[in-house]
Amino acid sequence: MKSVKVPALELFLHEMIPLAKAMGVGVELSDDRSLVLTAPKEQNKNSLNTAFGGSLVSLATLAGYGVVWELMKNEKGAEKTEWRIVVKESRAAYRRPVIGDLRAICERPAQAAIAEFKEALGRYGKAKLKLKASIVENGNVAVDVTAAFVVSR
């Protein structure tokens, strides 16, 4: 049997955010461009047998959270400092129902935005990063979520 390595982010989400475990959230991809999270429809369906709206916005929010978490995990001194990540505000636009499994894609911010974020964090001990995540099914955007995450020490 082939051994499969579970990403640190997935372990963190399941241990620290019980909803993520209940939803069956998994990390499909984490690279320099984006973070992709998935969740099975069966654990996240509504009475119409489509994906539950709350699950859709939660998965997209978790994708944004994950981007910030991975950014902070690699921050200098992260092993000593406990970073607190919270959602300050968010907005969702539901465009179409999701029939199958859930898939959220959060693009990583531009280097300039990361530099500005880190500069504010270093100067004030607190900074905000605005991210956009989308729920995509068969190449079509079903939900767009824009959220502002605040990180503080």
C-alpha atoms as a PDB file:
ATOM      1  CA  MET A   1       0.000   0.000   0.000  1.00  0.00           C
ATOM      2  CA  LYS A   2       1.310   3.425  -0.960  1.00  0.00           C
ATOM      3  CA  SER A   3       1.791   5.892   1.883  1.00  0.00           C
ATOM      4  CA  VAL A   4      -0.011   9.212   1.480  1.00  0.00           C
ATOM      5  CA  LYS A   5       1.307  12.294   3.250  1.00  0.00           C
ATOM      6  CA  VAL A   6      -1.451  14.441   4.754  1.00  0.00           C
ATOM      7  CA  PRO A   7      -0.610  18.152   4.441  1.00  0.00           C
ATOM      8  CA  ALA A   8       0.065  20.041   7.670  1.00  0.00           C
ATOM      9  CA  LEU A   9      -2.734  22.464   6.817  1.00  0.00           C
ATOM     10  CA  GLU A  10      -5.287  19.660   6.578  1.00  0.00           C
ATOM     11  CA  LEU A  11      -4.204  18.268   9.965  1.00  0.00           C
ATOM     12  CA  PHE A  12      -4.382  21.745  11.483  1.00  0.00           C
ATOM     13  CA  LEU A  13      -7.871  22.407  10.098  1.00  0.00           C
ATOM     14  CA  HIS A  14      -9.207  19.069  11.335  1.00  0.00           C
ATOM     15  CA  GLU A  15      -7.706  19.517  14.806  1.00  0.00           C
ATOM     16  CA  MET A  16      -8.380  23.211  15.391  1.00  0.00           C
ATOM     17  CA  ILE A  17     -11.558  23.877  13.394  1.00  0.00           C
ATOM     18  CA  PRO A  18     -14.044  21.074  14.111  1.00  0.00           C
ATOM     19  CA  LEU A  19     -16.333  22.172  11.265  1.00  0.00           C
ATOM     20  CA  ALA A  20     -13.565  21.379   8.764  1.00  0.00           C
ATOM     21  CA  LYS A  21     -13.363  17.801  10.008  1.00  0.00           C
ATOM     22  CA  ALA A  22     -17.151  17.414  10.018  1.00  0.00           C
ATOM     23  CA  MET A  23     -17.280  18.719   6.447  1.00  0.00           C
ATOM     24  CA  GLY A  24     -14.556  16.287   5.344  1.00  0.00           C
ATOM     25  CA  VAL A  25     -12.269  19.085   4.130  1.00  0.00           C
ATOM     26  CA  GLY A  26      -9.159  17.955   2.295  1.00  0.00           C
ATOM     27  CA  VAL A  27      -6.241  19.723   0.644  1.00  0.00           C
ATOM     28  CA  GLU A  28      -6.133  18.924  -3.073  1.00  0.00           C
ATOM     29  CA  LEU A  29      -3.361  21.329  -4.023  1.00  0.00           C
ATOM     30  CA  SER A  30      -1.105  23.880  -2.404  1.00  0.00           C
ATOM     31  CA  ASP A  31       1.432  25.535  -4.676  1.00  0.00           C
ATOM     32  CA  ASP A  32       2.886  28.967  -5.402  1.00  0.00           C
ATOM     33  CA  ARG A  33      -0.249  30.097  -7.232  1.00  0.00           C
ATOM     34  CA  SER A  34      -3.190  28.783  -5.231  1.00  0.00           C
ATOM     35  CA  LEU A  35      -4.660  26.622  -2.517  1.00  0.00           C
ATOM     36  CA  VAL A  36      -7.431  24.183  -3.447  1.00  0.00           C
ATOM     37  CA  LEU A  37      -9.641  22.594  -0.777  1.00  0.00           C
ATOM     38  CA  THR A  38     -12.278  19.929  -1.354  1.00  0.00           C
ATOM     39  CA  ALA A  39     -15.165  18.427   0.578  1.00  0.00           C
ATOM     40  CA  PRO A  40     -17.555  15.603  -0.328  1.00  0.00           C
ATOM     41  CA  LYS A  41     -21.099  16.587  -1.234  1.00  0.00           C
ATOM     42  CA  GLU A  42     -22.568  13.770   0.851  1.00  0.00           C
ATOM     43  CA  GLN A  43     -21.470  15.474   4.086  1.00  0.00           C
ATOM     44  CA  ASN A  44     -22.463  18.921   2.823  1.00  0.00           C
ATOM     45  CA  LYS A  45     -25.773  18.542   1.018  1.00  0.00           C
ATOM     46  CA  ASN A  46     -29.072  20.279   1.588  1.00  0.00           C
ATOM     47  CA  SER A  47     -32.691  19.119   1.255  1.00  0.00           C
ATOM     48  CA  LEU A  48     -32.529  19.691  -2.518  1.00  0.00           C
ATOM     49  CA  ASN A  49     -29.565  17.288  -2.855  1.00  0.00           C
ATOM     50  CA  THR A  50     -27.239  20.138  -3.870  1.00  0.00           C
ATOM     51  CA  ALA A  51     -24.373  21.540  -1.807  1.00  0.00           C
ATOM     52  CA  PHE A  52     -25.522  23.472   1.273  1.00  0.00           C
ATOM     53  CA  GLY A  53     -24.842  27.220   0.957  1.00  0.00           C
ATOM     54  CA  GLY A  54     -23.265  27.365   4.401  1.00  0.00           C
ATOM     55  CA  SER A  55     -20.822  24.628   3.446  1.00  0.00           C
ATOM     56  CA  LEU A  56     -19.925  26.425   0.229  1.00  0.00           C
ATOM     57  CA  VAL A  57     -19.097  29.703   1.952  1.00  0.00           C
ATOM     58  CA  SER A  58     -17.328  27.832   4.770  1.00  0.00           C
ATOM     59  CA  LEU A  59     -15.077  25.931   2.370  1.00  0.00           C
ATOM     60  CA  ALA A  60     -14.195  29.122   0.489  1.00  0.00           C
ATOM     61  CA  THR A  61     -13.485  30.900   3.786  1.00  0.00           C
ATOM     62  CA  LEU A  62     -11.306  27.992   4.925  1.00  0.00           C
ATOM     63  CA  ALA A  63      -9.367  28.227   1.648  1.00  0.00           C
ATOM     64  CA  GLY A  64      -8.629  31.899   2.348  1.00  0.00           C
ATOM     65  CA  TYR A  65      -7.776  31.091   5.946  1.00  0.00           C
ATOM     66  CA  GLY A  66      -5.447  28.362   4.714  1.00  0.00           C
ATOM     67  CA  VAL A  67      -3.589  30.766   2.430  1.00  0.00           C
ATOM     68  CA  VAL A  68      -2.992  33.097   5.384  1.00  0.00           C
ATOM     69  CA  TRP A  69      -2.070  30.191   7.689  1.00  0.00           C
ATOM     70  CA  GLU A  70       0.516  28.904   5.212  1.00  0.00           C
ATOM     71  CA  LEU A  71       1.908  32.421   4.791  1.00  0.00           C
ATOM     72  CA  MET A  72       2.283  32.793   8.559  1.00  0.00           C
ATOM     73  CA  LYS A  73       3.627  29.256   9.036  1.00  0.00           C
ATOM     74  CA  ASN A  74       6.661  30.267   7.007  1.00  0.00           C
ATOM     75  CA  GLU A  75       7.055  33.653   8.675  1.00  0.00           C
ATOM     76  CA  LYS A  76      10.380  34.226  10.451  1.00  0.00           C
ATOM     77  CA  GLY A  77       9.967  33.512  14.151  1.00  0.00           C
ATOM     78  CA  ALA A  78       6.713  31.608  13.616  1.00  0.00           C
ATOM     79  CA  GLU A  79       7.921  28.822  15.901  1.00  0.00           C
ATOM     80  CA  LYS A  80       8.033  31.284  18.818  1.00  0.00           C
ATOM     81  CA  THR A  81       5.119  33.589  18.029  1.00  0.00           C
ATOM     82  CA  GLU A  82       1.520  32.553  18.200  1.00  0.00           C
ATOM     83  CA  TRP A  83      -0.231  34.240  15.309  1.00  0.00           C
ATOM     84  CA  ARG A  84      -3.978  34.750  15.572  1.00  0.00           C
ATOM     85  CA  ILE A  85      -5.900  34.656  12.315  1.00  0.00           C
ATOM     86  CA  VAL A  86      -9.499  35.831  12.198  1.00  0.00           C
ATOM     87  CA  VAL A  87     -11.975  36.789   9.508  1.00  0.00           C
ATOM     88  CA  LYS A  88     -12.826  40.463   9.822  1.00  0.00           C
ATOM     89  CA  GLU A  89     -15.414  40.631   7.049  1.00  0.00           C
ATOM     90  CA  SER A  90     -16.607  38.576   4.130  1.00  0.00           C
ATOM     91  CA  ARG A  91     -19.082  38.677   1.291  1.00  0.00           C
ATOM     92  CA  ALA A  92     -20.416  35.833  -0.818  1.00  0.00           C
ATOM     93  CA  ALA A  93     -22.110  35.840  -4.205  1.00  0.00           C
ATOM     94  CA  TYR A  94     -23.947  32.633  -5.077  1.00  0.00           C
ATOM     95  CA  ARG A  95     -24.133  32.182  -8.855  1.00  0.00           C
ATOM     96  CA  ARG A  96     -25.326  28.593  -9.384  1.00  0.00           C
ATOM     97  CA  PRO A  97     -26.011  25.438  -7.368  1.00  0.00           C
ATOM     98  CA  VAL A  98     -23.272  22.873  -6.860  1.00  0.00           C
ATOM     99  CA  ILE A  99     -24.418  19.387  -7.803  1.00  0.00           C
ATOM    100  CA  GLY A 100     -21.281  17.367  -7.000  1.00  0.00           C
ATOM    101  CA  ASP A 101     -18.418  17.501  -4.546  1.00  0.00           C
ATOM    102  CA  LEU A 102     -17.238  20.899  -3.311  1.00  0.00           C
ATOM    103  CA  ARG A 103     -13.996  22.488  -4.541  1.00  0.00           C
ATOM    104  CA  ALA A 104     -12.696  25.878  -3.383  1.00  0.00           C
ATOM    105  CA  ILE A 105      -9.815  27.711  -5.043  1.00  0.00           C
ATOM    106  CA  CYS A 106      -8.068  30.632  -3.372  1.00  0.00           C
ATOM    107  CA  GLU A 107      -5.440  32.410  -5.451  1.00  0.00           C
ATOM    108  CA  ARG A 108      -2.381  33.498  -3.536  1.00  0.00           C
ATOM    109  CA  PRO A 109      -1.914  37.272  -3.255  1.00  0.00           C
ATOM    110  CA  ALA A 110       0.600  39.158  -5.387  1.00  0.00           C
ATOM    111  CA  GLN A 111       4.102  39.590  -3.956  1.00  0.00           C
ATOM    112  CA  ALA A 112       3.473  43.330  -3.519  1.00  0.00           C
ATOM    113  CA  ALA A 113       0.394  42.649  -1.362  1.00  0.00           C
ATOM    114  CA  ILE A 114       2.342  40.108   0.708  1.00  0.00           C
ATOM    115  CA  ALA A 115       5.189  42.585   1.221  1.00  0.00           C
ATOM    116  CA  GLU A 116       2.753  45.310   2.317  1.00  0.00           C
ATOM    117  CA  PHE A 117       1.015  42.855   4.655  1.00  0.00           C
ATOM    118  CA  LYS A 118       4.299  41.707   6.237  1.00  0.00           C
ATOM    119  CA  GLU A 119       5.541  45.266   6.592  1.00  0.00           C
ATOM    120  CA  ALA A 120       2.367  46.245   8.485  1.00  0.00           C
ATOM    121  CA  LEU A 121       2.597  43.092  10.596  1.00  0.00           C
ATOM    122  CA  GLY A 122       6.193  43.869  11.528  1.00  0.00           C
ATOM    123  CA  ARG A 123       5.457  47.500  12.278  1.00  0.00           C
ATOM    124  CA  TYR A 124       2.132  47.193  14.138  1.00  0.00           C
ATOM    125  CA  GLY A 125       1.946  43.534  15.167  1.00  0.00           C
ATOM    126  CA  LYS A 126      -1.320  43.353  13.235  1.00  0.00           C
ATOM    127  CA  ALA A 127      -2.214  43.367   9.551  1.00  0.00           C
ATOM    128  CA  LYS A 128      -5.107  42.714   7.174  1.00  0.00           C
ATOM    129  CA  LEU A 129      -5.067  40.709   3.963  1.00  0.00           C
ATOM    130  CA  LYS A 130      -7.995  40.638   1.558  1.00  0.00           C
ATOM    131  CA  LEU A 131      -8.444  37.447  -0.470  1.00  0.00           C
ATOM    132  CA  LYS A 132     -10.873  36.046  -3.008  1.00  0.00           C
ATOM    133  CA  ALA A 133     -11.859  32.382  -3.158  1.00  0.00           C
ATOM    134  CA  SER A 134     -14.224  30.681  -5.558  1.00  0.00           C
ATOM    135  CA  ILE A 135     -16.212  27.482  -5.495  1.00  0.00           C
ATOM    136  CA  VAL A 136     -15.777  25.955  -8.932  1.00  0.00           C
ATOM    137  CA  GLU A 137     -17.608  23.024 -10.506  1.00  0.00           C
ATOM    138  CA  ASN A 138     -16.853  21.744 -14.014  1.00  0.00           C
ATOM    139  CA  GLY A 139     -14.940  24.922 -14.816  1.00  0.00           C
ATOM    140  CA  ASN A 140     -17.827  27.187 -13.786  1.00  0.00           C
ATOM    141  CA  VAL A 141     -17.735  29.530 -10.802  1.00  0.00           C
ATOM    142  CA  ALA A 142     -20.636  28.725  -8.492  1.00  0.00           C
ATOM    143  CA  VAL A 143     -19.749  30.987  -5.564  1.00  0.00           C
ATOM    144  CA  ASP A 144     -17.358  33.918  -5.100  1.00  0.00           C
ATOM    145  CA  VAL A 145     -16.251  34.825  -1.592  1.00  0.00           C
ATOM    146  CA  THR A 146     -14.192  37.900  -0.764  1.00  0.00           C
ATOM    147  CA  ALA A 147     -12.876  37.992   2.784  1.00  0.00           C
ATOM    148  CA  ALA A 148     -10.536  40.150   4.824  1.00  0.00           C
ATOM    149  CA  PHE A 149      -8.369  38.225   7.274  1.00  0.00           C
ATOM    150  CA  VAL A 150      -6.633  39.934  10.187  1.00  0.00           C
ATOM    151  CA  VAL A 151      -3.470  38.513  11.694  1.00  0.00           C
ATOM    152  CA  SER A 152      -2.181  39.630  15.076  1.00  0.00           C
ATOM    153  CA  ARG A 153       0.268  38.412  17.695  1.00  0.00           C
END
